[in-house]
N, C-alpha and C. Protein backbone atom coordinates (compact mmCIF):
# COMPACT_ATOMS: atom_id res chain seq x y z
N MET A 1 -207.24 143.90 30.09
CA MET A 1 -208.08 143.08 29.25
C MET A 1 -207.59 143.17 27.81
N LYS A 2 -207.37 142.01 27.18
CA LYS A 2 -207.00 141.98 25.78
C LYS A 2 -208.22 142.33 24.93
N LYS A 3 -208.00 143.15 23.92
CA LYS A 3 -209.08 143.59 23.04
C LYS A 3 -208.91 142.96 21.65
N ASN A 4 -210.05 142.75 20.99
CA ASN A 4 -210.06 142.19 19.65
C ASN A 4 -211.25 142.77 18.89
N SER A 5 -211.25 142.62 17.59
CA SER A 5 -212.37 143.02 16.75
C SER A 5 -212.69 141.88 15.80
N TYR A 6 -213.97 141.80 15.46
CA TYR A 6 -214.47 140.84 14.47
C TYR A 6 -215.19 141.64 13.41
N SER A 7 -214.81 141.45 12.14
CA SER A 7 -215.42 142.19 11.04
C SER A 7 -216.15 141.26 10.10
N CYS A 8 -217.31 141.72 9.65
CA CYS A 8 -218.15 140.97 8.73
C CYS A 8 -218.11 141.64 7.35
N ILE A 9 -218.39 140.88 6.30
CA ILE A 9 -218.39 141.45 4.95
C ILE A 9 -219.50 142.48 4.77
N CYS A 10 -220.51 142.48 5.67
CA CYS A 10 -221.58 143.48 5.57
C CYS A 10 -221.11 144.86 6.05
N GLY A 11 -219.91 144.92 6.65
CA GLY A 11 -219.37 146.19 7.13
C GLY A 11 -219.45 146.35 8.64
N ASN A 12 -220.16 145.45 9.31
CA ASN A 12 -220.28 145.52 10.78
C ASN A 12 -218.99 145.06 11.44
N THR A 13 -218.60 145.76 12.50
CA THR A 13 -217.45 145.36 13.32
C THR A 13 -217.92 145.25 14.76
N ILE A 14 -217.54 144.15 15.40
CA ILE A 14 -217.86 143.90 16.81
C ILE A 14 -216.55 143.92 17.58
N ASN A 15 -216.42 144.85 18.52
CA ASN A 15 -215.23 144.95 19.35
C ASN A 15 -215.44 144.16 20.64
N THR A 16 -214.43 143.38 21.02
CA THR A 16 -214.55 142.54 22.21
C THR A 16 -213.37 142.75 23.15
N ALA A 17 -213.56 142.34 24.39
CA ALA A 17 -212.49 142.34 25.39
C ALA A 17 -212.57 141.02 26.16
N ASN A 18 -211.43 140.49 26.52
CA ASN A 18 -211.37 139.26 27.30
C ASN A 18 -211.42 139.61 28.78
N PHE A 19 -212.54 139.29 29.43
CA PHE A 19 -212.68 139.49 30.87
C PHE A 19 -211.86 138.44 31.62
N ASN A 20 -211.77 137.23 31.05
CA ASN A 20 -210.95 136.15 31.60
C ASN A 20 -209.97 135.69 30.52
N ASP A 21 -208.94 134.96 30.93
CA ASP A 21 -208.05 134.33 29.97
C ASP A 21 -208.74 133.08 29.42
N GLY A 22 -208.50 132.77 28.18
CA GLY A 22 -209.08 131.58 27.57
C GLY A 22 -209.06 131.68 26.06
N VAL A 23 -209.71 130.72 25.43
CA VAL A 23 -209.71 130.60 23.98
C VAL A 23 -210.97 131.26 23.41
N THR A 24 -210.77 132.08 22.39
CA THR A 24 -211.89 132.72 21.68
C THR A 24 -211.90 132.21 20.25
N PRO A 25 -213.07 132.11 19.63
CA PRO A 25 -213.14 131.62 18.26
C PRO A 25 -212.63 132.65 17.25
N PHE A 26 -212.25 132.17 16.07
CA PHE A 26 -211.78 133.10 15.05
C PHE A 26 -212.94 133.68 14.25
N MET A 27 -214.15 133.13 14.43
CA MET A 27 -215.34 133.69 13.77
C MET A 27 -216.50 133.67 14.76
N ILE A 28 -217.35 134.71 14.67
CA ILE A 28 -218.58 134.76 15.45
C ILE A 28 -219.70 135.20 14.53
N HIS A 29 -220.95 134.97 14.96
CA HIS A 29 -222.10 135.41 14.17
C HIS A 29 -222.19 136.93 14.19
N CYS A 30 -222.42 137.50 13.04
CA CYS A 30 -222.66 138.94 12.93
C CYS A 30 -224.07 139.22 13.42
N ASN A 31 -224.21 140.17 14.32
CA ASN A 31 -225.53 140.51 14.86
C ASN A 31 -226.32 141.44 13.93
N VAL A 32 -225.73 141.84 12.80
CA VAL A 32 -226.44 142.69 11.85
C VAL A 32 -227.03 141.85 10.71
N CYS A 33 -226.19 141.02 10.08
CA CYS A 33 -226.67 140.27 8.91
C CYS A 33 -226.78 138.77 9.14
N GLY A 34 -226.24 138.28 10.27
CA GLY A 34 -226.28 136.84 10.54
C GLY A 34 -225.14 136.08 9.88
N GLY A 35 -224.28 136.79 9.18
CA GLY A 35 -223.13 136.16 8.54
C GLY A 35 -222.03 135.86 9.55
N SER A 36 -220.84 135.62 9.06
CA SER A 36 -219.69 135.31 9.91
C SER A 36 -218.75 136.51 9.99
N ALA A 37 -218.51 136.97 11.20
CA ALA A 37 -217.55 138.05 11.44
C ALA A 37 -216.22 137.40 11.82
N ARG A 38 -215.15 137.82 11.17
CA ARG A 38 -213.84 137.20 11.37
C ARG A 38 -212.95 138.02 12.28
N SER A 39 -212.18 137.29 13.07
CA SER A 39 -211.28 137.90 14.05
C SER A 39 -210.14 138.66 13.40
N HIS A 40 -209.71 139.70 14.08
CA HIS A 40 -208.50 140.44 13.71
C HIS A 40 -207.31 139.89 14.48
N PHE A 41 -207.50 138.82 15.23
CA PHE A 41 -206.45 138.14 15.99
C PHE A 41 -205.67 139.10 16.91
N PHE A 42 -206.43 139.97 17.57
CA PHE A 42 -205.92 140.90 18.58
C PHE A 42 -204.98 141.97 18.01
N SER A 43 -204.92 142.09 16.69
CA SER A 43 -204.11 143.14 16.05
C SER A 43 -204.97 144.39 15.88
N VAL A 44 -205.42 144.92 17.00
CA VAL A 44 -206.28 146.10 17.01
C VAL A 44 -205.80 147.06 18.09
N ASN A 45 -206.27 148.29 18.02
CA ASN A 45 -205.97 149.28 19.05
C ASN A 45 -206.50 148.76 20.39
N GLN A 46 -205.62 148.61 21.35
CA GLN A 46 -206.01 148.06 22.65
C GLN A 46 -206.77 149.07 23.51
N ASN A 47 -206.98 150.28 22.99
CA ASN A 47 -207.78 151.28 23.70
C ASN A 47 -209.23 151.31 23.22
N LEU A 48 -209.58 150.45 22.26
CA LEU A 48 -210.95 150.49 21.74
C LEU A 48 -211.97 150.12 22.81
N LYS A 49 -213.17 150.64 22.66
CA LYS A 49 -214.26 150.37 23.60
C LYS A 49 -214.95 149.07 23.17
N PRO A 50 -215.01 148.07 24.06
CA PRO A 50 -215.64 146.81 23.67
C PRO A 50 -217.16 146.91 23.59
N ASP A 51 -217.71 146.19 22.61
CA ASP A 51 -219.16 146.03 22.50
C ASP A 51 -219.61 144.83 23.33
N LEU A 52 -218.73 143.82 23.41
CA LEU A 52 -219.02 142.57 24.11
C LEU A 52 -217.80 142.10 24.88
N TYR A 53 -218.03 141.22 25.84
CA TYR A 53 -216.95 140.69 26.68
C TYR A 53 -216.93 139.17 26.63
N TRP A 54 -215.73 138.61 26.48
CA TRP A 54 -215.52 137.17 26.57
C TRP A 54 -215.27 136.82 28.03
N PHE A 55 -215.90 135.74 28.52
CA PHE A 55 -215.67 135.32 29.90
C PHE A 55 -215.80 133.81 30.03
N SER A 56 -215.28 133.29 31.12
CA SER A 56 -215.35 131.87 31.44
C SER A 56 -216.49 131.66 32.43
N PRO A 57 -217.61 131.10 31.99
CA PRO A 57 -218.80 131.05 32.84
C PRO A 57 -218.85 129.86 33.78
N SER A 58 -219.56 130.05 34.88
CA SER A 58 -219.98 128.91 35.71
C SER A 58 -221.13 128.25 34.95
N ASP A 59 -221.55 127.08 35.40
CA ASP A 59 -222.67 126.41 34.72
C ASP A 59 -223.93 127.26 34.80
N LYS A 60 -224.15 127.91 35.93
CA LYS A 60 -225.32 128.77 36.10
C LYS A 60 -225.28 129.95 35.12
N GLN A 61 -224.10 130.55 34.99
CA GLN A 61 -223.95 131.67 34.06
C GLN A 61 -224.13 131.21 32.62
N LEU A 62 -223.64 130.01 32.30
CA LEU A 62 -223.73 129.51 30.93
C LEU A 62 -225.18 129.32 30.50
N LYS A 63 -226.01 128.84 31.39
CA LYS A 63 -227.43 128.64 31.05
C LYS A 63 -228.09 129.97 30.69
N LYS A 64 -227.76 131.03 31.39
CA LYS A 64 -228.31 132.35 31.10
C LYS A 64 -227.66 132.96 29.86
N GLN A 65 -226.36 132.70 29.69
CA GLN A 65 -225.63 133.25 28.56
C GLN A 65 -226.17 132.71 27.24
N VAL A 66 -226.50 131.43 27.20
CA VAL A 66 -226.99 130.81 25.97
C VAL A 66 -228.28 131.48 25.49
N VAL A 67 -229.19 131.77 26.40
CA VAL A 67 -230.44 132.44 26.04
C VAL A 67 -230.15 133.81 25.45
N TRP A 68 -229.25 134.57 26.08
CA TRP A 68 -228.88 135.89 25.57
C TRP A 68 -228.22 135.77 24.20
N GLU A 69 -227.28 134.83 24.05
CA GLU A 69 -226.53 134.70 22.80
C GLU A 69 -227.45 134.37 21.62
N LEU A 70 -228.39 133.46 21.82
CA LEU A 70 -229.31 133.11 20.73
C LEU A 70 -230.14 134.32 20.31
N SER A 71 -230.52 135.14 21.27
CA SER A 71 -231.29 136.34 20.98
C SER A 71 -230.41 137.39 20.28
N PHE A 72 -229.20 137.60 20.79
CA PHE A 72 -228.27 138.58 20.23
C PHE A 72 -227.95 138.26 18.78
N CYS A 73 -227.71 137.00 18.49
CA CYS A 73 -227.34 136.57 17.14
C CYS A 73 -228.55 136.29 16.27
N ASP A 74 -229.74 136.44 16.84
CA ASP A 74 -230.99 136.12 16.14
C ASP A 74 -230.92 134.72 15.56
N ALA A 75 -230.46 133.77 16.40
CA ALA A 75 -230.25 132.39 15.96
C ALA A 75 -231.25 131.42 16.58
N LYS A 76 -232.33 131.95 17.16
CA LYS A 76 -233.32 131.08 17.81
C LYS A 76 -233.92 130.07 16.84
N ASP A 77 -233.99 130.43 15.55
CA ASP A 77 -234.54 129.51 14.55
C ASP A 77 -233.50 128.52 14.05
N VAL A 78 -232.24 128.77 14.34
CA VAL A 78 -231.15 127.91 13.86
C VAL A 78 -230.89 126.75 14.80
N MET A 79 -230.92 127.03 16.10
CA MET A 79 -230.67 125.97 17.08
C MET A 79 -231.40 126.28 18.37
N SER A 80 -231.71 125.22 19.11
CA SER A 80 -232.41 125.38 20.38
C SER A 80 -231.42 125.79 21.46
N ALA A 81 -231.95 126.30 22.56
CA ALA A 81 -231.11 126.65 23.70
C ALA A 81 -230.40 125.42 24.22
N LYS A 82 -231.07 124.27 24.19
CA LYS A 82 -230.46 123.02 24.67
C LYS A 82 -229.25 122.65 23.81
N GLU A 83 -229.38 122.78 22.48
CA GLU A 83 -228.26 122.48 21.58
C GLU A 83 -227.11 123.47 21.79
N ALA A 84 -227.45 124.75 21.91
CA ALA A 84 -226.43 125.78 22.11
C ALA A 84 -225.71 125.58 23.44
N TYR A 85 -226.46 125.21 24.47
CA TYR A 85 -225.86 124.96 25.78
C TYR A 85 -224.85 123.82 25.68
N LYS A 86 -225.24 122.75 25.01
CA LYS A 86 -224.36 121.57 24.88
C LYS A 86 -223.07 121.94 24.15
N LEU A 87 -223.18 122.68 23.05
CA LEU A 87 -222.00 123.10 22.29
C LEU A 87 -221.11 124.04 23.10
N ASN A 88 -221.73 125.03 23.77
CA ASN A 88 -220.95 125.98 24.55
C ASN A 88 -220.30 125.32 25.77
N LYS A 89 -221.00 124.36 26.37
CA LYS A 89 -220.43 123.65 27.53
C LYS A 89 -219.17 122.90 27.11
N LYS A 90 -219.21 122.26 25.94
CA LYS A 90 -218.02 121.56 25.43
C LYS A 90 -216.90 122.56 25.18
N HIS A 91 -217.22 123.69 24.55
CA HIS A 91 -216.23 124.74 24.26
C HIS A 91 -215.59 125.25 25.56
N VAL A 92 -216.41 125.53 26.56
CA VAL A 92 -215.91 126.02 27.85
C VAL A 92 -215.05 124.95 28.53
N GLY A 93 -215.47 123.70 28.43
CA GLY A 93 -214.71 122.59 29.02
C GLY A 93 -213.32 122.44 28.42
N GLN A 94 -213.13 122.96 27.22
CA GLN A 94 -211.84 122.90 26.55
C GLN A 94 -211.07 124.22 26.68
N GLY A 95 -211.49 125.06 27.64
CA GLY A 95 -210.80 126.32 27.88
C GLY A 95 -211.35 127.50 27.12
N GLY A 96 -212.50 127.32 26.48
CA GLY A 96 -213.09 128.38 25.68
C GLY A 96 -213.86 129.40 26.49
N LEU A 97 -213.98 130.59 25.94
CA LEU A 97 -214.75 131.67 26.54
C LEU A 97 -216.03 131.88 25.74
N VAL A 98 -217.03 132.48 26.38
CA VAL A 98 -218.29 132.81 25.72
C VAL A 98 -218.55 134.30 25.89
N LEU A 99 -219.47 134.83 25.09
CA LEU A 99 -219.73 136.27 25.07
C LEU A 99 -220.81 136.71 26.06
N ALA A 100 -220.66 137.94 26.50
CA ALA A 100 -221.67 138.61 27.34
C ALA A 100 -221.73 140.07 26.90
N PRO A 101 -222.88 140.72 27.15
CA PRO A 101 -223.01 142.12 26.71
C PRO A 101 -222.17 143.10 27.51
N ASP A 102 -221.92 142.81 28.79
CA ASP A 102 -221.13 143.72 29.62
C ASP A 102 -220.73 143.01 30.92
N ILE A 103 -219.84 143.64 31.67
CA ILE A 103 -219.33 143.05 32.91
C ILE A 103 -220.43 142.95 33.97
N LYS A 104 -221.29 143.96 34.03
CA LYS A 104 -222.41 143.94 34.99
C LYS A 104 -223.27 142.69 34.79
N THR A 105 -223.57 142.37 33.55
CA THR A 105 -224.40 141.21 33.24
C THR A 105 -223.68 139.91 33.63
N ILE A 106 -222.39 139.83 33.38
CA ILE A 106 -221.62 138.64 33.78
C ILE A 106 -221.81 138.40 35.26
N LYS A 107 -221.71 139.45 36.05
CA LYS A 107 -221.86 139.32 37.50
C LYS A 107 -223.30 138.97 37.88
N GLU A 108 -224.28 139.59 37.21
CA GLU A 108 -225.70 139.30 37.51
C GLU A 108 -226.06 137.85 37.16
N TRP A 109 -225.49 137.32 36.07
CA TRP A 109 -225.76 135.94 35.69
C TRP A 109 -225.27 134.97 36.74
N GLY A 110 -224.32 135.39 37.57
CA GLY A 110 -223.79 134.52 38.62
C GLY A 110 -224.65 134.50 39.87
N LEU A 111 -225.63 135.39 39.96
CA LEU A 111 -226.47 135.48 41.16
C LEU A 111 -227.56 134.44 41.16
């Protein structure tokens, strides 16, 4: 699994791993301050422990992932689940990956 980190100006760093191959964004929402955490473009120690995992979801998994992502990023007031689903579905359709808290959850979302 390829590893990456995203750092925010607030000092928070989010470590990620790619569970599947695909495209990841160069910025994600910081779960501490709500700002933008910027990618290190995979120039990180590949032994780091991931906080989150990027994966390519089925439609069923994506519906569950959107609810989790809005809660994780505290973005429920910014956009609705329906809007987030539409944006993420387009991203996934273009080869993009979405975030999950762990591999166990990725598998559970598929059930």
